[in-house]
Amino acid sequence: MGAQKAKPFTSTRNRKVALTVVIMTITMLGLFMVGCQQTEKNQPKPSVAIGTWIESQKIAEKDNALHPMKYRIDAITRDQAIVTAAISEYNLSGTGNLIGQLQNDNLEFCMAEYSATYPTDFPRSNFGITDVAVPFEIVSLTGGAIQVEDTIYQNLATTWEIGDLPEGYDFHAGDTYAGKIIFIMVKDYSDYLIHEIKGDSPEEEQVYIKGE
């Protein structure tokens, strides 16, 4: 019998090389995607200026469905005498949870006033419309926690509605609610956004208003 010829290794070697290339490509693509996500996360959110009317929606109590309305942030007050007086009046009214004292000397209370207008065709119950306040939170320019230099402030998103909310039979379609919110911000810092809290659905347009 003649000597058996050795089988060539070329095809096996090529398959290994091809597999290595595929793995490296997938790895690099994964790193690229993570990098893109991180870059997107760190991008400033598009925002509008104070005084801009914003088209939005609210759930009507009559049919439990979303209907168009609009609002705008009218002013932001950081004068501590005015803000403190507004908080004291709210606390004394007993209409909601008390707003306590700040424990951090780097922070201060601020107040934002806004107008929320409900069109004449907004569904209303016999007692009118009572759920008129717009829910807001405070975020950084990129939509996350406020960071000033090396300090990250994790608990500044909360706002308190202190406006004179309707109690029934005193607010109807076509009326405008004069809302007020209290929030906390780092002293002498204005790189923040007021964000209307909406659902997480991709169809929900996220709106941000530049703070002062």
N, C-alpha and C. Protein backbone atom coordinates (compact mmCIF):
# COMPACT_ATOMS: atom_id res chain seq x y z
N MET A 1 0.84 -1.20 0.00
CA MET A 1 0.00 0.00 0.00
C MET A 1 0.88 1.25 0.00
N GLY A 2 0.46 2.26 -0.74
CA GLY A 2 1.25 3.48 -0.76
C GLY A 2 1.01 4.31 0.50
N ALA A 3 1.91 5.17 0.76
CA ALA A 3 1.78 6.02 1.95
C ALA A 3 0.56 6.93 1.79
N GLN A 4 -0.23 7.09 2.90
CA GLN A 4 -1.44 7.94 2.87
C GLN A 4 -1.03 9.40 2.94
N LYS A 5 -1.60 10.19 2.02
CA LYS A 5 -1.26 11.59 1.98
C LYS A 5 -1.91 12.34 3.15
N ALA A 6 -1.16 13.27 3.69
CA ALA A 6 -1.70 14.09 4.79
C ALA A 6 -2.78 15.03 4.24
N LYS A 7 -3.86 15.23 5.03
CA LYS A 7 -4.96 16.11 4.63
C LYS A 7 -4.52 17.56 4.80
N PRO A 8 -4.83 18.35 3.82
CA PRO A 8 -4.45 19.77 3.93
C PRO A 8 -5.22 20.47 5.05
N PHE A 9 -4.57 21.43 5.69
CA PHE A 9 -5.19 22.18 6.79
C PHE A 9 -5.70 23.54 6.35
N THR A 10 -5.62 23.84 5.07
CA THR A 10 -5.94 25.17 4.58
C THR A 10 -7.38 25.57 4.90
N SER A 11 -8.34 24.67 4.60
CA SER A 11 -9.74 25.02 4.81
C SER A 11 -10.05 25.23 6.28
N THR A 12 -9.48 24.38 7.14
CA THR A 12 -9.71 24.52 8.58
C THR A 12 -9.13 25.84 9.08
N ARG A 13 -7.91 26.17 8.59
CA ARG A 13 -7.25 27.41 9.01
C ARG A 13 -8.08 28.61 8.57
N ASN A 14 -8.61 28.54 7.35
CA ASN A 14 -9.42 29.65 6.83
C ASN A 14 -10.70 29.86 7.65
N ARG A 15 -11.30 28.72 8.05
CA ARG A 15 -12.51 28.82 8.86
C ARG A 15 -12.21 29.48 10.20
N LYS A 16 -11.07 29.11 10.79
CA LYS A 16 -10.70 29.71 12.08
C LYS A 16 -10.45 31.20 11.94
N VAL A 17 -9.76 31.57 10.85
CA VAL A 17 -9.49 32.98 10.62
C VAL A 17 -10.80 33.75 10.42
N ALA A 18 -11.71 33.17 9.62
CA ALA A 18 -12.99 33.82 9.35
C ALA A 18 -13.79 33.99 10.64
N LEU A 19 -13.79 32.92 11.49
CA LEU A 19 -14.51 32.98 12.76
C LEU A 19 -13.93 34.06 13.66
N THR A 20 -12.62 34.16 13.68
CA THR A 20 -11.97 35.19 14.49
C THR A 20 -12.36 36.58 14.03
N VAL A 21 -12.40 36.78 12.72
CA VAL A 21 -12.78 38.07 12.15
C VAL A 21 -14.20 38.43 12.52
N VAL A 22 -15.11 37.42 12.45
CA VAL A 22 -16.51 37.65 12.79
C VAL A 22 -16.64 38.06 14.25
N ILE A 23 -15.92 37.34 15.13
CA ILE A 23 -15.99 37.64 16.57
C ILE A 23 -15.48 39.05 16.84
N MET A 24 -14.35 39.40 16.20
CA MET A 24 -13.80 40.73 16.38
C MET A 24 -14.75 41.80 15.87
N THR A 25 -15.42 41.52 14.74
CA THR A 25 -16.36 42.48 14.17
C THR A 25 -17.54 42.70 15.11
N ILE A 26 -18.08 41.59 15.64
CA ILE A 26 -19.21 41.69 16.58
C ILE A 26 -18.80 42.47 17.82
N THR A 27 -17.60 42.18 18.33
CA THR A 27 -17.11 42.86 19.53
C THR A 27 -16.98 44.36 19.29
N MET A 28 -16.37 44.73 18.14
CA MET A 28 -16.18 46.13 17.83
C MET A 28 -17.52 46.83 17.61
N LEU A 29 -18.48 46.12 16.97
CA LEU A 29 -19.80 46.70 16.76
C LEU A 29 -20.50 46.95 18.09
N GLY A 30 -20.34 45.97 19.01
CA GLY A 30 -20.94 46.13 20.34
C GLY A 30 -20.36 47.32 21.07
N LEU A 31 -19.03 47.48 21.01
CA LEU A 31 -18.38 48.62 21.65
C LEU A 31 -18.83 49.92 21.02
N PHE A 32 -19.00 49.90 19.68
CA PHE A 32 -19.45 51.10 18.98
C PHE A 32 -20.86 51.49 19.41
N MET A 33 -21.75 50.48 19.55
CA MET A 33 -23.12 50.75 19.94
C MET A 33 -23.17 51.31 21.36
N VAL A 34 -22.37 50.73 22.27
CA VAL A 34 -22.33 51.23 23.65
C VAL A 34 -21.83 52.67 23.66
N GLY A 35 -20.80 52.93 22.84
CA GLY A 35 -20.27 54.29 22.76
C GLY A 35 -21.30 55.27 22.26
N CYS A 36 -22.10 54.85 21.25
CA CYS A 36 -23.15 55.71 20.71
C CYS A 36 -24.21 56.00 21.77
N GLN A 37 -24.58 54.95 22.52
CA GLN A 37 -25.59 55.12 23.57
C GLN A 37 -25.10 56.07 24.64
N GLN A 38 -23.82 55.92 25.04
CA GLN A 38 -23.27 56.81 26.05
C GLN A 38 -23.22 58.24 25.54
N THR A 39 -22.83 58.41 24.26
CA THR A 39 -22.77 59.75 23.69
C THR A 39 -24.14 60.39 23.65
N GLU A 40 -25.16 59.59 23.23
CA GLU A 40 -26.53 60.10 23.17
C GLU A 40 -27.02 60.48 24.56
N LYS A 41 -26.68 59.67 25.55
CA LYS A 41 -27.13 59.93 26.92
C LYS A 41 -26.53 61.22 27.45
N ASN A 42 -25.33 61.57 26.99
CA ASN A 42 -24.64 62.76 27.48
C ASN A 42 -24.94 64.01 26.67
N GLN A 43 -25.80 63.89 25.65
CA GLN A 43 -26.14 65.04 24.82
C GLN A 43 -27.18 65.91 25.53
N PRO A 44 -27.05 67.23 25.45
CA PRO A 44 -28.06 68.12 26.05
C PRO A 44 -29.44 67.87 25.43
N LYS A 45 -30.48 67.93 26.26
CA LYS A 45 -31.84 67.77 25.77
C LYS A 45 -32.29 69.06 25.06
N PRO A 46 -33.01 68.91 23.96
CA PRO A 46 -33.56 70.12 23.33
C PRO A 46 -34.58 70.77 24.27
N SER A 47 -34.50 72.07 24.42
CA SER A 47 -35.37 72.75 25.38
C SER A 47 -35.92 74.04 24.79
N VAL A 48 -36.97 74.55 25.41
CA VAL A 48 -37.59 75.81 24.99
C VAL A 48 -37.41 76.84 26.10
N ALA A 49 -37.58 78.09 25.75
CA ALA A 49 -37.40 79.17 26.71
C ALA A 49 -38.65 79.38 27.55
N ILE A 50 -38.47 79.97 28.70
CA ILE A 50 -39.60 80.36 29.54
C ILE A 50 -40.51 81.30 28.73
N GLY A 51 -41.82 81.11 28.85
CA GLY A 51 -42.78 81.91 28.10
C GLY A 51 -43.28 81.26 26.83
N THR A 52 -42.72 80.08 26.49
CA THR A 52 -43.13 79.37 25.29
C THR A 52 -44.36 78.51 25.57
N TRP A 53 -45.40 78.66 24.76
CA TRP A 53 -46.57 77.80 24.92
C TRP A 53 -46.25 76.40 24.41
N ILE A 54 -46.65 75.41 25.16
CA ILE A 54 -46.33 74.01 24.84
C ILE A 54 -47.63 73.23 24.71
N GLU A 55 -47.82 72.59 23.58
CA GLU A 55 -48.99 71.74 23.37
C GLU A 55 -48.79 70.43 24.12
N SER A 56 -49.79 70.06 24.92
CA SER A 56 -49.68 68.84 25.70
C SER A 56 -51.05 68.16 25.77
N GLN A 57 -51.17 67.20 26.68
CA GLN A 57 -52.43 66.48 26.87
C GLN A 57 -52.63 66.19 28.35
N LYS A 58 -53.89 66.13 28.75
CA LYS A 58 -54.25 65.74 30.11
C LYS A 58 -55.42 64.77 30.04
N ILE A 59 -55.46 63.87 31.02
CA ILE A 59 -56.58 62.94 31.10
C ILE A 59 -57.80 63.65 31.68
N ALA A 60 -58.90 63.59 30.95
CA ALA A 60 -60.14 64.20 31.43
C ALA A 60 -60.82 63.25 32.41
N GLU A 61 -61.31 63.82 33.48
CA GLU A 61 -61.99 62.99 34.49
C GLU A 61 -63.29 62.41 33.95
N LYS A 62 -63.87 63.06 32.98
CA LYS A 62 -65.17 62.61 32.48
C LYS A 62 -65.07 61.28 31.75
N ASP A 63 -64.03 61.11 30.89
CA ASP A 63 -63.94 59.89 30.08
C ASP A 63 -62.64 59.13 30.27
N ASN A 64 -61.78 59.62 31.18
CA ASN A 64 -60.50 58.96 31.49
C ASN A 64 -59.63 58.77 30.25
N ALA A 65 -59.70 59.72 29.33
CA ALA A 65 -58.91 59.68 28.10
C ALA A 65 -58.11 60.97 27.96
N LEU A 66 -57.02 60.90 27.18
CA LEU A 66 -56.19 62.07 26.96
C LEU A 66 -56.84 63.05 25.99
N HIS A 67 -56.72 64.34 26.32
CA HIS A 67 -57.25 65.38 25.46
C HIS A 67 -56.27 66.56 25.42
N PRO A 68 -56.23 67.29 24.31
CA PRO A 68 -55.27 68.38 24.16
C PRO A 68 -55.51 69.52 25.16
N MET A 69 -54.42 70.12 25.62
CA MET A 69 -54.41 71.35 26.39
C MET A 69 -53.04 71.97 26.15
N LYS A 70 -52.78 73.12 26.71
CA LYS A 70 -51.46 73.71 26.55
C LYS A 70 -51.06 74.44 27.84
N TYR A 71 -49.76 74.62 27.98
CA TYR A 71 -49.26 75.32 29.17
C TYR A 71 -47.97 76.06 28.81
N ARG A 72 -47.55 76.91 29.71
CA ARG A 72 -46.25 77.57 29.57
C ARG A 72 -45.72 77.92 30.96
N ILE A 73 -44.42 77.91 31.10
CA ILE A 73 -43.79 78.40 32.31
C ILE A 73 -43.69 79.92 32.17
N ASP A 74 -44.29 80.67 33.09
CA ASP A 74 -44.34 82.13 32.99
C ASP A 74 -43.14 82.81 33.64
N ALA A 75 -42.69 82.27 34.76
CA ALA A 75 -41.60 82.94 35.49
C ALA A 75 -41.00 81.98 36.50
N ILE A 76 -39.74 82.23 36.81
CA ILE A 76 -39.05 81.50 37.88
C ILE A 76 -38.54 82.52 38.88
N THR A 77 -38.86 82.31 40.14
CA THR A 77 -38.46 83.22 41.20
C THR A 77 -37.45 82.54 42.11
N ARG A 78 -36.31 83.24 42.34
CA ARG A 78 -35.29 82.73 43.25
C ARG A 78 -35.03 83.69 44.39
N ASP A 79 -35.80 84.77 44.43
CA ASP A 79 -35.74 85.70 45.56
C ASP A 79 -36.25 84.97 46.80
N GLN A 80 -35.37 84.77 47.77
CA GLN A 80 -35.71 83.91 48.91
C GLN A 80 -36.81 84.47 49.79
N ALA A 81 -36.95 85.77 49.85
CA ALA A 81 -38.03 86.36 50.64
C ALA A 81 -39.39 86.00 50.04
N ILE A 82 -39.48 86.10 48.71
CA ILE A 82 -40.74 85.79 48.02
C ILE A 82 -41.04 84.29 48.09
N VAL A 83 -40.01 83.48 47.84
CA VAL A 83 -40.21 82.02 47.84
C VAL A 83 -40.58 81.53 49.23
N THR A 84 -39.89 82.02 50.24
CA THR A 84 -40.17 81.60 51.62
C THR A 84 -41.59 81.97 52.03
N ALA A 85 -42.05 83.16 51.62
CA ALA A 85 -43.42 83.58 51.95
C ALA A 85 -44.44 82.68 51.28
N ALA A 86 -44.17 82.27 50.03
CA ALA A 86 -45.09 81.39 49.32
C ALA A 86 -45.15 80.01 49.97
N ILE A 87 -43.99 79.51 50.42
CA ILE A 87 -43.96 78.20 51.09
C ILE A 87 -44.70 78.27 52.42
N SER A 88 -44.49 79.34 53.17
CA SER A 88 -45.17 79.49 54.47
C SER A 88 -46.68 79.54 54.29
N GLU A 89 -47.15 80.27 53.29
CA GLU A 89 -48.59 80.36 53.02
C GLU A 89 -49.14 78.98 52.65
N TYR A 90 -48.40 78.24 51.84
CA TYR A 90 -48.83 76.90 51.45
C TYR A 90 -48.88 75.97 52.66
N ASN A 91 -47.84 75.98 53.48
CA ASN A 91 -47.80 75.10 54.65
C ASN A 91 -48.95 75.42 55.61
N LEU A 92 -49.26 76.70 55.78
CA LEU A 92 -50.33 77.10 56.69
C LEU A 92 -51.70 76.74 56.15
N SER A 93 -51.81 76.59 54.83
CA SER A 93 -53.11 76.28 54.23
C SER A 93 -53.57 74.86 54.54
N GLY A 94 -52.63 73.98 54.83
CA GLY A 94 -52.98 72.60 55.14
C GLY A 94 -53.55 71.82 53.98
N THR A 95 -53.25 72.26 52.74
CA THR A 95 -53.82 71.60 51.57
C THR A 95 -52.97 70.44 51.05
N GLY A 96 -51.77 70.28 51.55
CA GLY A 96 -50.90 69.21 51.06
C GLY A 96 -49.80 68.91 52.05
N ASN A 97 -48.85 68.09 51.63
CA ASN A 97 -47.73 67.74 52.50
C ASN A 97 -46.88 68.98 52.78
N LEU A 98 -46.44 69.11 54.01
CA LEU A 98 -45.63 70.26 54.39
C LEU A 98 -44.28 70.22 53.67
N ILE A 99 -43.80 71.39 53.30
CA ILE A 99 -42.47 71.52 52.72
C ILE A 99 -41.52 71.89 53.85
N GLY A 100 -40.59 71.00 54.16
CA GLY A 100 -39.71 71.19 55.31
C GLY A 100 -38.53 72.10 55.01
N GLN A 101 -37.68 72.24 56.02
CA GLN A 101 -36.49 73.07 55.88
C GLN A 101 -35.39 72.31 55.15
N LEU A 102 -34.55 73.06 54.44
CA LEU A 102 -33.41 72.45 53.76
C LEU A 102 -32.29 72.20 54.76
N GLN A 103 -31.59 71.09 54.57
CA GLN A 103 -30.51 70.71 55.46
C GLN A 103 -29.13 70.94 54.84
N ASN A 104 -29.11 71.47 53.63
CA ASN A 104 -27.85 71.67 52.92
C ASN A 104 -27.72 73.16 52.58
N ASP A 105 -26.67 73.80 53.06
CA ASP A 105 -26.49 75.23 52.84
C ASP A 105 -26.19 75.59 51.39
N ASN A 106 -25.88 74.58 50.57
CA ASN A 106 -25.59 74.84 49.15
C ASN A 106 -26.86 74.90 48.31
N LEU A 107 -28.02 74.59 48.92
CA LEU A 107 -29.27 74.52 48.19
C LEU A 107 -30.23 75.62 48.60
N GLU A 108 -31.19 75.90 47.72
CA GLU A 108 -32.23 76.87 48.03
C GLU A 108 -33.53 76.47 47.34
N PHE A 109 -34.64 76.93 47.90
CA PHE A 109 -35.93 76.72 47.27
C PHE A 109 -36.13 77.74 46.15
N CYS A 110 -36.79 77.30 45.09
CA CYS A 110 -37.14 78.18 43.97
C CYS A 110 -38.62 77.99 43.65
N MET A 111 -39.20 78.93 42.95
CA MET A 111 -40.62 78.82 42.59
C MET A 111 -40.80 79.11 41.10
N ALA A 112 -41.55 78.25 40.44
CA ALA A 112 -41.90 78.46 39.03
C ALA A 112 -43.41 78.65 38.93
N GLU A 113 -43.83 79.69 38.22
CA GLU A 113 -45.24 79.94 37.97
C GLU A 113 -45.56 79.56 36.53
N TYR A 114 -46.71 78.94 36.33
CA TYR A 114 -47.08 78.51 34.99
C TYR A 114 -48.57 78.68 34.75
N SER A 115 -48.93 78.73 33.48
CA SER A 115 -50.34 78.82 33.07
C SER A 115 -50.70 77.54 32.32
N ALA A 116 -51.83 76.94 32.68
CA ALA A 116 -52.32 75.74 32.00
C ALA A 116 -53.72 76.03 31.47
N THR A 117 -53.86 76.07 30.15
CA THR A 117 -55.13 76.44 29.52
C THR A 117 -55.83 75.21 28.95
N TYR A 118 -57.11 75.09 29.30
CA TYR A 118 -57.93 73.98 28.82
C TYR A 118 -58.94 74.51 27.81
N PRO A 119 -58.94 73.95 26.59
CA PRO A 119 -59.81 74.49 25.53
C PRO A 119 -61.29 74.33 25.86
N THR A 120 -62.11 75.06 25.12
CA THR A 120 -63.55 75.07 25.40
C THR A 120 -64.20 73.72 25.15
N ASP A 121 -63.54 72.85 24.34
CA ASP A 121 -64.13 71.54 24.07
C ASP A 121 -63.52 70.44 24.95
N PHE A 122 -62.77 70.83 25.98
CA PHE A 122 -62.19 69.82 26.87
C PHE A 122 -63.32 69.17 27.68
N PRO A 123 -63.41 67.83 27.69
CA PRO A 123 -64.51 67.16 28.40
C PRO A 123 -64.53 67.53 29.89
N ARG A 124 -65.70 67.79 30.41
CA ARG A 124 -65.81 68.18 31.81
C ARG A 124 -67.01 67.48 32.44
N SER A 125 -66.86 67.19 33.70
CA SER A 125 -67.96 66.59 34.46
C SER A 125 -68.91 67.69 34.92
N ASN A 126 -69.97 67.29 35.61
CA ASN A 126 -70.93 68.27 36.11
C ASN A 126 -70.29 69.25 37.07
N PHE A 127 -69.26 68.77 37.78
CA PHE A 127 -68.58 69.63 38.76
C PHE A 127 -67.39 70.38 38.15
N GLY A 128 -67.24 70.30 36.83
CA GLY A 128 -66.15 71.01 36.18
C GLY A 128 -64.91 70.14 36.03
N ILE A 129 -63.74 70.78 36.08
CA ILE A 129 -62.45 70.09 35.96
C ILE A 129 -61.65 70.38 37.22
N THR A 130 -61.14 69.34 37.84
CA THR A 130 -60.36 69.54 39.07
C THR A 130 -58.89 69.13 38.92
N ASP A 131 -58.61 68.19 38.02
CA ASP A 131 -57.22 67.75 37.82
C ASP A 131 -56.58 68.64 36.77
N VAL A 132 -56.10 69.80 37.19
CA VAL A 132 -55.63 70.80 36.24
C VAL A 132 -54.12 71.04 36.31
N ALA A 133 -53.47 70.59 37.38
CA ALA A 133 -52.04 70.84 37.54
C ALA A 133 -51.23 70.00 36.55
N VAL A 134 -50.11 70.55 36.10
CA VAL A 134 -49.19 69.83 35.21
C VAL A 134 -48.04 69.28 36.05
N PRO A 135 -47.76 67.98 35.97
CA PRO A 135 -46.67 67.40 36.77
C PRO A 135 -45.30 67.69 36.16
N PHE A 136 -44.38 68.18 36.99
CA PHE A 136 -43.04 68.51 36.53
C PHE A 136 -41.99 67.85 37.40
N GLU A 137 -40.80 67.74 36.84
CA GLU A 137 -39.63 67.34 37.61
C GLU A 137 -38.46 68.20 37.14
N ILE A 138 -37.39 68.22 37.94
CA ILE A 138 -36.20 69.01 37.63
C ILE A 138 -35.06 68.06 37.26
N VAL A 139 -34.43 68.32 36.12
CA VAL A 139 -33.34 67.46 35.66
C VAL A 139 -32.18 68.32 35.17
N SER A 140 -31.06 67.67 34.90
CA SER A 140 -29.89 68.36 34.36
C SER A 140 -30.11 68.66 32.88
N LEU A 141 -29.16 69.32 32.26
CA LEU A 141 -29.27 69.65 30.84
C LEU A 141 -29.29 68.40 29.96
N THR A 142 -28.78 67.27 30.49
CA THR A 142 -28.80 66.02 29.75
C THR A 142 -29.94 65.10 30.20
N GLY A 143 -30.77 65.58 31.12
CA GLY A 143 -31.93 64.79 31.55
C GLY A 143 -31.70 63.93 32.77
N GLY A 144 -30.55 64.04 33.40
CA GLY A 144 -30.24 63.21 34.57
C GLY A 144 -30.21 64.03 35.85
N ALA A 145 -29.43 63.53 36.81
CA ALA A 145 -29.28 64.22 38.08
C ALA A 145 -28.43 65.47 37.91
N ILE A 146 -28.69 66.45 38.76
CA ILE A 146 -27.92 67.69 38.73
C ILE A 146 -26.51 67.43 39.25
N GLN A 147 -25.51 67.85 38.49
CA GLN A 147 -24.12 67.73 38.93
C GLN A 147 -23.44 69.08 38.81
N VAL A 148 -22.85 69.52 39.93
CA VAL A 148 -22.10 70.77 39.95
C VAL A 148 -20.68 70.44 40.37
N GLU A 149 -19.76 70.61 39.45
CA GLU A 149 -18.37 70.21 39.64
C GLU A 149 -18.33 68.72 39.98
N ASP A 150 -17.81 68.33 41.14
CA ASP A 150 -17.69 66.91 41.47
C ASP A 150 -18.85 66.39 42.31
N THR A 151 -19.82 67.24 42.59
CA THR A 151 -20.94 66.85 43.46
C THR A 151 -22.18 66.54 42.63
N ILE A 152 -22.73 65.35 42.82
CA ILE A 152 -23.98 64.95 42.17
C ILE A 152 -25.11 65.03 43.18
N TYR A 153 -26.16 65.77 42.85
CA TYR A 153 -27.32 65.93 43.72
C TYR A 153 -28.44 65.02 43.20
N GLN A 154 -28.70 63.94 43.94
CA GLN A 154 -29.61 62.91 43.45
C GLN A 154 -31.08 63.20 43.72
N ASN A 155 -31.38 64.12 44.62
CA ASN A 155 -32.76 64.26 45.08
C ASN A 155 -33.38 65.62 44.75
N LEU A 156 -33.00 66.19 43.62
CA LEU A 156 -33.53 67.50 43.25
C LEU A 156 -34.65 67.43 42.21
N ALA A 157 -35.07 66.25 41.84
CA ALA A 157 -36.11 66.12 40.81
C ALA A 157 -37.49 66.52 41.31
N THR A 158 -37.74 66.37 42.61
CA THR A 158 -39.07 66.56 43.18
C THR A 158 -39.55 68.01 43.07
N THR A 159 -40.83 68.17 42.76
CA THR A 159 -41.48 69.49 42.79
C THR A 159 -42.74 69.39 43.65
N TRP A 160 -43.15 70.53 44.21
CA TRP A 160 -44.38 70.60 45.00
C TRP A 160 -45.33 71.59 44.34
N GLU A 161 -46.54 71.13 44.04
CA GLU A 161 -47.56 72.02 43.48
C GLU A 161 -48.19 72.82 44.62
N ILE A 162 -48.10 74.16 44.56
CA ILE A 162 -48.66 74.99 45.63
C ILE A 162 -49.71 75.96 45.09
N GLY A 163 -50.13 75.77 43.85
CA GLY A 163 -51.15 76.65 43.28
C GLY A 163 -52.50 76.43 43.94
N ASP A 164 -53.41 77.34 43.70
CA ASP A 164 -54.77 77.28 44.25
C ASP A 164 -55.60 76.34 43.39
N LEU A 165 -55.53 75.06 43.68
CA LEU A 165 -56.22 74.05 42.87
C LEU A 165 -57.73 74.15 43.02
N PRO A 166 -58.46 73.94 41.93
CA PRO A 166 -59.92 73.97 42.01
C PRO A 166 -60.45 72.80 42.83
N GLU A 167 -61.57 73.05 43.49
CA GLU A 167 -62.17 72.01 44.34
C GLU A 167 -63.49 71.49 43.77
N GLY A 168 -63.92 72.04 42.67
CA GLY A 168 -65.18 71.61 42.06
C GLY A 168 -66.10 72.78 41.82
N TYR A 169 -66.71 72.81 40.64
CA TYR A 169 -67.65 73.85 40.23
C TYR A 169 -66.99 75.23 40.07
N ASP A 170 -65.65 75.29 40.12
CA ASP A 170 -65.00 76.59 40.00
C ASP A 170 -63.95 76.62 38.89
N PHE A 171 -63.87 75.56 38.07
CA PHE A 171 -62.95 75.55 36.93
C PHE A 171 -63.62 74.76 35.81
N HIS A 172 -63.67 75.38 34.62
CA HIS A 172 -64.40 74.77 33.51
C HIS A 172 -63.57 74.83 32.23
N ALA A 173 -64.01 74.11 31.22
CA ALA A 173 -63.35 74.16 29.92
C ALA A 173 -63.30 75.59 29.43
N GLY A 174 -62.13 75.99 28.92
CA GLY A 174 -61.92 77.37 28.50
C GLY A 174 -61.19 78.20 29.53
N ASP A 175 -61.07 77.68 30.76
CA ASP A 175 -60.38 78.41 31.83
C ASP A 175 -58.87 78.14 31.79
N THR A 176 -58.13 79.00 32.47
CA THR A 176 -56.68 78.85 32.60
C THR A 176 -56.30 78.75 34.07
N TYR A 177 -55.58 77.71 34.41
CA TYR A 177 -55.13 77.50 35.78
C TYR A 177 -53.79 78.21 36.00
N ALA A 178 -53.69 79.00 37.06
CA ALA A 178 -52.45 79.67 37.42
C ALA A 178 -51.70 78.79 38.43
N GLY A 179 -50.79 77.98 37.92
CA GLY A 179 -50.09 77.02 38.76
C GLY A 179 -48.79 77.57 39.33
N LYS A 180 -48.35 76.96 40.42
CA LYS A 180 -47.06 77.29 41.03
C LYS A 180 -46.42 76.01 41.53
N ILE A 181 -45.13 75.87 41.28
CA ILE A 181 -44.40 74.73 41.84
C ILE A 181 -43.18 75.24 42.61
N ILE A 182 -42.87 74.54 43.68
CA ILE A 182 -41.65 74.78 44.44
C ILE A 182 -40.67 73.66 44.10
N PHE A 183 -39.41 74.03 43.91
CA PHE A 183 -38.38 73.01 43.68
C PHE A 183 -37.09 73.47 44.33
N ILE A 184 -36.14 72.58 44.41
CA ILE A 184 -34.86 72.85 45.06
C ILE A 184 -33.77 72.92 44.00
N MET A 185 -32.88 73.90 44.15
CA MET A 185 -31.76 74.01 43.21
C MET A 185 -30.51 74.46 43.96
N VAL A 186 -29.38 74.14 43.37
CA VAL A 186 -28.10 74.58 43.91
C VAL A 186 -28.02 76.10 43.78
N LYS A 187 -27.55 76.76 44.81
CA LYS A 187 -27.46 78.21 44.79
C LYS A 187 -26.57 78.70 43.64
N ASP A 188 -27.00 79.76 43.00
CA ASP A 188 -26.25 80.39 41.90
C ASP A 188 -26.00 79.44 40.73
N TYR A 189 -26.88 78.46 40.55
CA TYR A 189 -26.72 77.50 39.46
C TYR A 189 -28.01 77.50 38.64
N SER A 190 -27.86 77.60 37.33
CA SER A 190 -29.04 77.68 36.46
C SER A 190 -29.02 76.70 35.29
N ASP A 191 -28.07 75.79 35.27
CA ASP A 191 -28.00 74.81 34.18
C ASP A 191 -28.89 73.60 34.50
N TYR A 192 -30.17 73.84 34.49
CA TYR A 192 -31.14 72.77 34.76
C TYR A 192 -32.33 72.94 33.83
N LEU A 193 -33.16 71.90 33.76
CA LEU A 193 -34.34 71.91 32.91
C LEU A 193 -35.57 71.54 33.73
N ILE A 194 -36.69 72.14 33.39
CA ILE A 194 -37.99 71.73 33.95
C ILE A 194 -38.61 70.78 32.94
N HIS A 195 -38.90 69.58 33.39
CA HIS A 195 -39.38 68.52 32.49
C HIS A 195 -40.81 68.14 32.84
N GLU A 196 -41.68 68.20 31.85
CA GLU A 196 -43.05 67.73 32.06
C GLU A 196 -43.03 66.21 32.15
N ILE A 197 -43.56 65.67 33.23
CA ILE A 197 -43.56 64.22 33.42
C ILE A 197 -44.65 63.60 32.57
N LYS A 198 -44.24 62.70 31.68
CA LYS A 198 -45.18 61.97 30.82
C LYS A 198 -44.90 60.49 30.92
N GLY A 199 -45.61 59.71 30.11
CA GLY A 199 -45.38 58.28 30.08
C GLY A 199 -44.07 57.94 29.39
N ASP A 200 -43.68 56.67 29.43
CA ASP A 200 -42.43 56.22 28.82
C ASP A 200 -42.61 55.78 27.37
N SER A 201 -43.81 55.93 26.83
CA SER A 201 -44.05 55.51 25.46
C SER A 201 -43.23 56.35 24.49
N PRO A 202 -42.61 55.71 23.47
CA PRO A 202 -41.82 56.46 22.48
C PRO A 202 -42.65 57.52 21.75
N GLU A 203 -43.98 57.32 21.69
CA GLU A 203 -44.83 58.28 21.00
C GLU A 203 -45.00 59.57 21.80
N GLU A 204 -44.72 59.50 23.10
CA GLU A 204 -44.87 60.67 23.96
C GLU A 204 -43.71 61.63 23.72
N GLU A 205 -44.00 62.82 23.24
CA GLU A 205 -42.95 63.81 23.02
C GLU A 205 -42.51 64.40 24.36
N GLN A 206 -41.22 64.30 24.65
CA GLN A 206 -40.69 64.81 25.89
C GLN A 206 -40.35 66.29 25.74
N VAL A 207 -40.81 67.09 26.69
CA VAL A 207 -40.64 68.55 26.61
C VAL A 207 -39.80 69.03 27.79
N TYR A 208 -38.85 69.91 27.50
CA TYR A 208 -37.97 70.47 28.53
C TYR A 208 -37.96 71.99 28.41
N ILE A 209 -38.00 72.67 29.56
CA ILE A 209 -37.95 74.12 29.59
C ILE A 209 -36.69 74.55 30.32
N LYS A 210 -35.92 75.44 29.71
CA LYS A 210 -34.66 75.88 30.30
C LYS A 210 -34.90 76.71 31.55
N GLY A 211 -34.19 76.37 32.61
CA GLY A 211 -34.36 77.09 33.87
C GLY A 211 -33.56 78.38 33.92
N GLU A 212 -33.72 79.08 35.04
CA GLU A 212 -33.01 80.33 35.26
C GLU A 212 -32.39 80.34 36.64
